[in-house]
Amino acid sequence: EATGEDVRAPGFPTEIVDYEPEESGYEVFPPR
């Protein structure tokens, strides 16, 4: 978007629609 170039593959939608409801997430702490 910043360059004005379209770098999507042919047939790829301009906008992806997510129909799943938003859920609160959680933080993952990797083992040390």
PDB file of N, CA and C in Angstrom:
ATOM      1  N   GLU A   1       0.816  -1.194   0.000  1.00  0.00           N
ATOM      2  CA  GLU A   1       0.000   0.000   0.000  1.00  0.00           C
ATOM      3  C   GLU A   1       0.860   1.259   0.000  1.00  0.00           C
ATOM      4  N   ALA A   2       1.955   1.211   0.721  1.00  0.00           N
ATOM      5  CA  ALA A   2       2.787   2.410   0.833  1.00  0.00           C
ATOM      6  C   ALA A   2       3.413   2.790  -0.502  1.00  0.00           C
ATOM      7  N   THR A   3       3.703   1.806  -1.355  1.00  0.00           N
ATOM      8  CA  THR A   3       4.348   2.094  -2.635  1.00  0.00           C
ATOM      9  C   THR A   3       3.355   2.279  -3.766  1.00  0.00           C
ATOM     10  N   GLY A   4       2.116   1.877  -3.546  1.00  0.00           N
ATOM     11  CA  GLY A   4       1.122   1.965  -4.597  1.00  0.00           C
ATOM     12  C   GLY A   4       1.135   0.760  -5.526  1.00  0.00           C
ATOM     13  N   GLU A   5       2.028  -0.196  -5.283  1.00  0.00           N
ATOM     14  CA  GLU A   5       2.116  -1.397  -6.105  1.00  0.00           C
ATOM     15  C   GLU A   5       1.155  -2.465  -5.601  1.00  0.00           C
ATOM     16  N   ASP A   6       0.630  -3.263  -6.507  1.00  0.00           N
ATOM     17  CA  ASP A   6      -0.251  -4.381  -6.160  1.00  0.00           C
ATOM     18  C   ASP A   6       0.581  -5.654  -6.247  1.00  0.00           C
ATOM     19  N   VAL A   7       0.897  -6.255  -5.112  1.00  0.00           N
ATOM     20  CA  VAL A   7       1.778  -7.424  -5.084  1.00  0.00           C
ATOM     21  C   VAL A   7       1.015  -8.716  -4.784  1.00  0.00           C
ATOM     22  N   ARG A   8      -0.305  -8.678  -4.896  1.00  0.00           N
ATOM     23  CA  ARG A   8      -1.111  -9.873  -4.650  1.00  0.00           C
ATOM     24  C   ARG A   8      -1.062 -10.810  -5.851  1.00  0.00           C
ATOM     25  N   ALA A   9      -1.231 -12.100  -5.582  1.00  0.00           N
ATOM     26  CA  ALA A   9      -1.302 -13.091  -6.650  1.00  0.00           C
ATOM     27  C   ALA A   9      -2.600 -12.899  -7.429  1.00  0.00           C
ATOM     28  N   PRO A  10      -2.622 -13.298  -8.700  1.00  0.00           N
ATOM     29  CA  PRO A  10      -3.860 -13.181  -9.485  1.00  0.00           C
ATOM     30  C   PRO A  10      -5.016 -13.907  -8.800  1.00  0.00           C
ATOM     31  N   GLY A  11      -6.155 -13.235  -8.705  1.00  0.00           N
ATOM     32  CA  GLY A  11      -7.339 -13.824  -8.096  1.00  0.00           C
ATOM     33  C   GLY A  11      -7.425 -13.648  -6.594  1.00  0.00           C
ATOM     34  N   PHE A  12      -6.380 -13.094  -5.972  1.00  0.00           N
ATOM     35  CA  PHE A  12      -6.402 -12.890  -4.522  1.00  0.00           C
ATOM     36  C   PHE A  12      -7.314 -11.715  -4.210  1.00  0.00           C
ATOM     37  N   PRO A  13      -8.202 -11.835  -3.203  1.00  0.00           N
ATOM     38  CA  PRO A  13      -9.154 -10.758  -2.914  1.00  0.00           C
ATOM     39  C   PRO A  13      -8.462  -9.497  -2.400  1.00  0.00           C
ATOM     40  N   THR A  14      -9.070  -8.352  -2.649  1.00  0.00           N
ATOM     41  CA  THR A  14      -8.506  -7.092  -2.174  1.00  0.00           C
ATOM     42  C   THR A  14      -8.653  -6.948  -0.672  1.00  0.00           C
ATOM     43  N   GLU A  15      -9.661  -7.593  -0.102  1.00  0.00           N
ATOM     44  CA  GLU A  15      -9.872  -7.522   1.341  1.00  0.00           C
ATOM     45  C   GLU A  15     -10.297  -8.896   1.839  1.00  0.00           C
ATOM     46  N   ILE A  16      -9.716  -9.335   2.948  1.00  0.00           N
ATOM     47  CA  ILE A  16     -10.073 -10.621   3.531  1.00  0.00           C
ATOM     48  C   ILE A  16     -11.107 -10.377   4.623  1.00  0.00           C
ATOM     49  N   VAL A  17     -12.237 -11.076   4.534  1.00  0.00           N
ATOM     50  CA  VAL A  17     -13.316 -10.911   5.497  1.00  0.00           C
ATOM     51  C   VAL A  17     -13.271 -12.076   6.479  1.00  0.00           C
ATOM     52  N   ASP A  18     -13.242 -11.759   7.759  1.00  0.00           N
ATOM     53  CA  ASP A  18     -13.205 -12.771   8.811  1.00  0.00           C
ATOM     54  C   ASP A  18     -14.551 -12.754   9.525  1.00  0.00           C
ATOM     55  N   TYR A  19     -15.308 -13.835   9.391  1.00  0.00           N
ATOM     56  CA  TYR A  19     -16.640 -13.890   9.986  1.00  0.00           C
ATOM     57  C   TYR A  19     -16.643 -14.445  11.403  1.00  0.00           C
ATOM     58  N   GLU A  20     -15.474 -14.863  11.915  1.00  0.00           N
ATOM     59  CA  GLU A  20     -15.417 -15.394  13.276  1.00  0.00           C
ATOM     60  C   GLU A  20     -15.468 -14.247  14.282  1.00  0.00           C
ATOM     61  N   PRO A  21     -16.186 -14.441  15.397  1.00  0.00           N
ATOM     62  CA  PRO A  21     -16.246 -13.378  16.408  1.00  0.00           C
ATOM     63  C   PRO A  21     -14.888 -13.187  17.087  1.00  0.00           C
ATOM     64  N   GLU A  22     -14.610 -11.958  17.501  1.00  0.00           N
ATOM     65  CA  GLU A  22     -13.358 -11.671  18.198  1.00  0.00           C
ATOM     66  C   GLU A  22     -13.382 -12.299  19.580  1.00  0.00           C
ATOM     67  N   GLU A  23     -12.259 -12.849  19.991  1.00  0.00           N
ATOM     68  CA  GLU A  23     -12.123 -13.429  21.320  1.00  0.00           C
ATOM     69  C   GLU A  23     -10.918 -12.797  21.984  1.00  0.00           C
ATOM     70  N   SER A  24     -10.976 -12.692  23.317  1.00  0.00           N
ATOM     71  CA  SER A  24      -9.805 -12.167  24.000  1.00  0.00           C
ATOM     72  C   SER A  24      -8.705 -13.212  23.922  1.00  0.00           C
ATOM     73  N   GLY A  25      -7.498 -12.762  23.735  1.00  0.00           N
ATOM     74  CA  GLY A  25      -6.378 -13.675  23.564  1.00  0.00           C
ATOM     75  C   GLY A  25      -5.674 -13.956  24.873  1.00  0.00           C
ATOM     76  N   TYR A  26      -4.538 -14.581  24.758  1.00  0.00           N
ATOM     77  CA  TYR A  26      -3.738 -14.887  25.934  1.00  0.00           C
ATOM     78  C   TYR A  26      -2.275 -14.756  25.539  1.00  0.00           C
ATOM     79  N   GLU A  27      -1.429 -14.529  26.516  1.00  0.00           N
ATOM     80  CA  GLU A  27      -0.014 -14.346  26.264  1.00  0.00           C
ATOM     81  C   GLU A  27       0.718 -15.669  26.433  1.00  0.00           C
ATOM     82  N   VAL A  28       1.603 -15.956  25.510  1.00  0.00           N
ATOM     83  CA  VAL A  28       2.371 -17.197  25.548  1.00  0.00           C
ATOM     84  C   VAL A  28       3.783 -16.881  26.018  1.00  0.00           C
ATOM     85  N   PHE A  29       4.239 -17.606  27.030  1.00  0.00           N
ATOM     86  CA  PHE A  29       5.591 -17.430  27.549  1.00  0.00           C
ATOM     87  C   PHE A  29       6.422 -18.650  27.164  1.00  0.00           C
ATOM     88  N   PRO A  30       7.419 -18.496  26.302  1.00  0.00           N
ATOM     89  CA  PRO A  30       8.234 -19.652  25.908  1.00  0.00           C
ATOM     90  C   PRO A  30       9.092 -20.136  27.068  1.00  0.00           C
ATOM     91  N   PRO A  31       9.397 -21.422  27.095  1.00  0.00           N
ATOM     92  CA  PRO A  31      10.254 -21.937  28.175  1.00  0.00           C
ATOM     93  C   PRO A  31      11.661 -21.346  28.071  1.00  0.00           C
ATOM     94  N   ARG A  32      12.294 -21.185  29.191  1.00  0.00           N
ATOM     95  CA  ARG A  32      13.649 -20.599  29.187  1.00  0.00           C
ATOM     96  C   ARG A  32      14.696 -21.648  29.069  1.00  0.00           C
TER      97      ARG A  32
END
